[in-house]
């Protein structure tokens, strides 16, 4: 559900707020932005693991589609590029 929410336009803070309200925590504490950010970039959720440059399939069950993972990745990249552009514009 985290991937779907991010893909639909919710920001990481909104997702963390929902998880916390539902009592879903990471190691007994509310999720940090960095933790959720790493989760959204972890290809393991597609059932693919990369180790020493080699790809392994079916080590983990596929929890999300490759299409959803790619859409989230594109959205994260676009937001990162927008932030960098915004910071460049603000520089004196």
N, C-alpha and C. Protein backbone atom coordinates (compact mmCIF):
# COMPACT_ATOMS: atom_id res chain seq x y z
N UNK A 1 0.82 -1.20 0.00
CA UNK A 1 0.00 0.00 0.00
C UNK A 1 0.86 1.26 0.00
N UNK A 2 2.05 1.20 0.60
CA UNK A 2 2.95 2.36 0.64
C UNK A 2 3.33 2.79 -0.77
N UNK A 3 3.65 1.82 -1.61
CA UNK A 3 4.04 2.14 -2.99
C UNK A 3 2.87 2.76 -3.75
N UNK A 4 1.67 2.21 -3.57
CA UNK A 4 0.50 2.74 -4.26
C UNK A 4 0.21 4.18 -3.81
N UNK A 5 0.33 4.43 -2.52
CA UNK A 5 0.07 5.77 -2.01
C UNK A 5 1.06 6.78 -2.57
N UNK A 6 2.34 6.39 -2.60
CA UNK A 6 3.36 7.30 -3.14
C UNK A 6 3.10 7.55 -4.62
N UNK A 7 2.78 6.48 -5.35
CA UNK A 7 2.52 6.62 -6.78
C UNK A 7 1.32 7.54 -7.03
N UNK A 8 0.32 7.49 -6.14
CA UNK A 8 -0.88 8.30 -6.35
C UNK A 8 -0.69 9.76 -5.94
N UNK A 9 0.49 10.09 -5.40
CA UNK A 9 0.78 11.50 -5.12
C UNK A 9 0.96 11.86 -3.66
N UNK A 10 0.78 10.90 -2.75
CA UNK A 10 1.00 11.22 -1.34
C UNK A 10 2.49 11.38 -1.08
N UNK A 11 2.82 12.33 -0.20
CA UNK A 11 4.22 12.52 0.14
C UNK A 11 4.60 11.57 1.28
N UNK A 12 5.88 11.40 1.49
CA UNK A 12 6.38 10.48 2.50
C UNK A 12 5.85 10.83 3.88
N UNK A 13 5.77 12.10 4.20
CA UNK A 13 5.26 12.51 5.51
C UNK A 13 3.82 12.07 5.72
N UNK A 14 2.99 12.20 4.70
CA UNK A 14 1.59 11.76 4.79
C UNK A 14 1.50 10.25 5.01
N UNK A 15 2.35 9.51 4.33
CA UNK A 15 2.35 8.06 4.47
C UNK A 15 2.78 7.67 5.88
N UNK A 16 3.81 8.33 6.40
CA UNK A 16 4.27 8.06 7.77
C UNK A 16 3.18 8.38 8.76
N UNK A 17 2.48 9.48 8.57
CA UNK A 17 1.38 9.85 9.47
C UNK A 17 0.30 8.77 9.50
N UNK A 18 -0.04 8.22 8.33
CA UNK A 18 -1.06 7.17 8.27
C UNK A 18 -0.57 5.91 8.97
N UNK A 19 0.68 5.52 8.69
CA UNK A 19 1.23 4.32 9.33
C UNK A 19 1.21 4.45 10.85
N UNK A 20 1.63 5.61 11.33
CA UNK A 20 1.66 5.86 12.78
C UNK A 20 0.25 5.80 13.36
N UNK A 21 -0.71 6.44 12.69
CA UNK A 21 -2.10 6.44 13.16
C UNK A 21 -2.68 5.03 13.22
N UNK A 22 -2.21 4.16 12.31
CA UNK A 22 -2.70 2.78 12.28
C UNK A 22 -1.89 1.87 13.20
N UNK A 23 -0.90 2.44 13.88
CA UNK A 23 -0.09 1.64 14.80
C UNK A 23 0.96 0.79 14.13
N UNK A 24 1.35 1.17 12.92
CA UNK A 24 2.38 0.42 12.18
C UNK A 24 3.70 1.16 12.37
N UNK A 25 4.65 0.46 12.99
CA UNK A 25 5.93 1.08 13.33
C UNK A 25 7.09 0.29 12.75
N UNK A 26 8.25 0.91 12.76
CA UNK A 26 9.49 0.28 12.33
C UNK A 26 10.37 0.11 13.56
N UNK A 27 10.56 -1.12 13.96
CA UNK A 27 11.36 -1.43 15.15
C UNK A 27 10.84 -0.71 16.39
N UNK A 28 9.52 -0.66 16.51
CA UNK A 28 8.88 -0.10 17.69
C UNK A 28 8.74 1.41 17.72
N UNK A 29 9.19 2.09 16.66
CA UNK A 29 9.11 3.55 16.60
C UNK A 29 8.47 3.97 15.28
N UNK A 30 7.94 5.20 15.22
CA UNK A 30 7.41 5.67 13.94
C UNK A 30 8.50 5.66 12.85
N UNK A 31 8.07 5.42 11.63
CA UNK A 31 9.02 5.42 10.52
C UNK A 31 9.70 6.77 10.39
N UNK A 32 10.95 6.75 9.98
CA UNK A 32 11.68 7.98 9.62
C UNK A 32 11.54 8.15 8.12
N UNK A 33 11.68 9.39 7.66
CA UNK A 33 11.60 9.65 6.22
C UNK A 33 12.66 8.85 5.47
N UNK A 34 13.86 8.79 6.03
CA UNK A 34 14.95 8.09 5.35
C UNK A 34 14.65 6.59 5.21
N UNK A 35 14.02 6.01 6.23
CA UNK A 35 13.68 4.58 6.18
C UNK A 35 12.65 4.31 5.09
N UNK A 36 11.63 5.13 5.03
CA UNK A 36 10.60 4.96 4.02
C UNK A 36 11.16 5.22 2.62
N UNK A 37 12.03 6.20 2.52
CA UNK A 37 12.69 6.51 1.26
C UNK A 37 13.48 5.30 0.76
N UNK A 38 14.22 4.65 1.65
CA UNK A 38 14.99 3.46 1.27
C UNK A 38 14.08 2.32 0.87
N UNK A 39 12.97 2.16 1.58
CA UNK A 39 12.02 1.11 1.25
C UNK A 39 11.49 1.29 -0.17
N UNK A 40 11.15 2.53 -0.51
CA UNK A 40 10.58 2.81 -1.82
C UNK A 40 11.59 2.59 -2.95
N UNK A 41 12.87 2.55 -2.62
CA UNK A 41 13.91 2.34 -3.62
C UNK A 41 14.45 0.90 -3.63
N UNK A 42 13.90 0.05 -2.75
CA UNK A 42 14.42 -1.30 -2.60
C UNK A 42 13.72 -2.26 -3.57
N UNK A 43 14.47 -2.74 -4.54
CA UNK A 43 13.93 -3.61 -5.58
C UNK A 43 13.52 -4.98 -5.02
N UNK A 44 13.91 -5.27 -3.79
CA UNK A 44 13.57 -6.54 -3.16
C UNK A 44 12.06 -6.78 -3.17
N UNK A 45 11.27 -5.71 -3.10
CA UNK A 45 9.82 -5.85 -3.07
C UNK A 45 9.25 -6.35 -4.40
N UNK A 46 10.07 -6.32 -5.45
CA UNK A 46 9.65 -6.88 -6.74
C UNK A 46 10.09 -8.34 -6.86
N UNK A 47 10.76 -8.87 -5.82
CA UNK A 47 11.23 -10.25 -5.85
C UNK A 47 12.63 -10.40 -6.41
N UNK A 48 13.30 -9.28 -6.66
CA UNK A 48 14.65 -9.30 -7.24
C UNK A 48 15.64 -8.76 -6.22
N UNK A 49 16.74 -9.49 -6.05
CA UNK A 49 17.79 -9.06 -5.13
C UNK A 49 19.08 -8.92 -5.93
N UNK A 50 19.78 -7.80 -5.70
CA UNK A 50 21.08 -7.61 -6.34
C UNK A 50 22.16 -7.76 -5.28
N UNK A 51 23.13 -8.63 -5.57
CA UNK A 51 24.23 -8.88 -4.64
C UNK A 51 25.51 -9.00 -5.44
N UNK A 52 26.49 -8.17 -5.13
CA UNK A 52 27.78 -8.14 -5.85
C UNK A 52 27.58 -8.02 -7.36
N UNK A 53 26.63 -7.18 -7.75
CA UNK A 53 26.38 -6.93 -9.16
C UNK A 53 25.61 -8.02 -9.88
N UNK A 54 25.21 -9.06 -9.16
CA UNK A 54 24.48 -10.16 -9.76
C UNK A 54 23.02 -10.11 -9.28
N UNK A 55 22.09 -10.41 -10.20
CA UNK A 55 20.67 -10.40 -9.87
C UNK A 55 20.20 -11.80 -9.51
N UNK A 56 19.41 -11.87 -8.44
CA UNK A 56 18.82 -13.14 -8.01
C UNK A 56 17.30 -12.97 -7.99
N UNK A 57 16.62 -13.95 -8.55
CA UNK A 57 15.16 -13.90 -8.65
C UNK A 57 14.53 -14.93 -7.72
N UNK A 58 13.34 -14.63 -7.26
CA UNK A 58 12.54 -15.54 -6.45
C UNK A 58 13.18 -15.89 -5.10
N UNK A 59 14.06 -15.04 -4.60
CA UNK A 59 14.58 -15.20 -3.24
C UNK A 59 13.49 -14.75 -2.26
N UNK A 60 12.84 -13.66 -2.62
CA UNK A 60 11.73 -13.12 -1.84
C UNK A 60 10.48 -13.14 -2.70
N UNK A 61 9.31 -13.23 -2.10
CA UNK A 61 8.09 -13.17 -2.91
C UNK A 61 7.91 -11.77 -3.51
N UNK A 62 7.37 -11.70 -4.70
CA UNK A 62 7.12 -10.42 -5.34
C UNK A 62 5.88 -9.79 -4.71
N UNK A 63 6.07 -8.68 -3.99
CA UNK A 63 4.97 -8.01 -3.30
C UNK A 63 4.35 -6.90 -4.13
N UNK A 64 5.13 -6.34 -5.05
CA UNK A 64 4.61 -5.29 -5.94
C UNK A 64 5.05 -5.59 -7.37
N UNK A 65 4.35 -5.02 -8.32
CA UNK A 65 4.71 -5.25 -9.73
C UNK A 65 5.93 -4.42 -10.10
N UNK A 66 6.62 -4.87 -11.13
CA UNK A 66 7.76 -4.10 -11.64
C UNK A 66 7.30 -2.73 -12.14
N UNK A 67 6.10 -2.70 -12.72
CA UNK A 67 5.55 -1.44 -13.23
C UNK A 67 5.35 -0.44 -12.10
N UNK A 68 4.78 -0.88 -10.98
CA UNK A 68 4.58 0.01 -9.84
C UNK A 68 5.92 0.50 -9.30
N UNK A 69 6.89 -0.41 -9.17
CA UNK A 69 8.22 -0.03 -8.69
C UNK A 69 8.84 1.02 -9.60
N UNK A 70 8.76 0.79 -10.91
CA UNK A 70 9.33 1.74 -11.88
C UNK A 70 8.63 3.09 -11.82
N UNK A 71 7.30 3.09 -11.67
CA UNK A 71 6.55 4.35 -11.56
C UNK A 71 6.98 5.15 -10.33
N UNK A 72 7.14 4.46 -9.21
CA UNK A 72 7.58 5.13 -7.97
C UNK A 72 8.99 5.67 -8.14
N UNK A 73 9.84 4.89 -8.76
CA UNK A 73 11.24 5.31 -8.98
C UNK A 73 11.28 6.58 -9.85
N UNK A 74 10.48 6.60 -10.91
CA UNK A 74 10.42 7.78 -11.78
C UNK A 74 9.92 9.01 -11.02
N UNK A 75 8.90 8.80 -10.20
CA UNK A 75 8.34 9.91 -9.42
C UNK A 75 9.37 10.45 -8.44
N UNK A 76 10.11 9.55 -7.79
CA UNK A 76 11.12 9.97 -6.83
C UNK A 76 12.24 10.74 -7.54
N UNK A 77 12.64 10.27 -8.70
CA UNK A 77 13.68 10.94 -9.48
C UNK A 77 13.21 12.32 -9.91
N UNK A 78 11.96 12.42 -10.36
CA UNK A 78 11.41 13.72 -10.79
C UNK A 78 11.38 14.70 -9.62
N UNK A 79 10.96 14.22 -8.44
CA UNK A 79 10.91 15.11 -7.26
C UNK A 79 12.31 15.56 -6.88
N UNK A 80 13.29 14.64 -6.98
CA UNK A 80 14.67 14.99 -6.65
C UNK A 80 15.20 16.05 -7.62
N UNK A 81 14.88 15.88 -8.91
CA UNK A 81 15.34 16.85 -9.92
C UNK A 81 14.69 18.21 -9.69
N UNK A 82 13.40 18.21 -9.34
CA UNK A 82 12.70 19.48 -9.07
C UNK A 82 13.32 20.19 -7.87
N UNK A 83 13.65 19.42 -6.84
CA UNK A 83 14.27 20.00 -5.64
C UNK A 83 15.63 20.59 -5.98
N UNK A 84 16.43 19.88 -6.76
CA UNK A 84 17.75 20.39 -7.14
C UNK A 84 17.62 21.66 -7.96
N UNK A 85 16.67 21.70 -8.89
CA UNK A 85 16.44 22.88 -9.70
C UNK A 85 16.00 24.05 -8.83
N UNK A 86 15.11 23.77 -7.89
CA UNK A 86 14.63 24.81 -6.97
C UNK A 86 15.79 25.38 -6.15
N UNK A 87 16.67 24.51 -5.68
CA UNK A 87 17.82 24.97 -4.89
C UNK A 87 18.79 25.80 -5.74
N UNK A 88 18.95 25.42 -7.01
CA UNK A 88 19.81 26.19 -7.91
C UNK A 88 19.26 27.59 -8.14
N UNK A 89 17.95 27.68 -8.27
CA UNK A 89 17.30 28.97 -8.51
C UNK A 89 17.47 29.88 -7.29
N UNK A 90 17.43 29.29 -6.11
CA UNK A 90 17.53 30.09 -4.87
C UNK A 90 18.95 30.53 -4.54
N UNK A 91 19.95 29.91 -5.17
CA UNK A 91 21.33 30.29 -4.89
C UNK A 91 21.61 31.70 -5.42
N UNK A 92 22.36 32.49 -4.63
CA UNK A 92 22.68 33.85 -5.10
C UNK A 92 23.67 33.84 -6.23
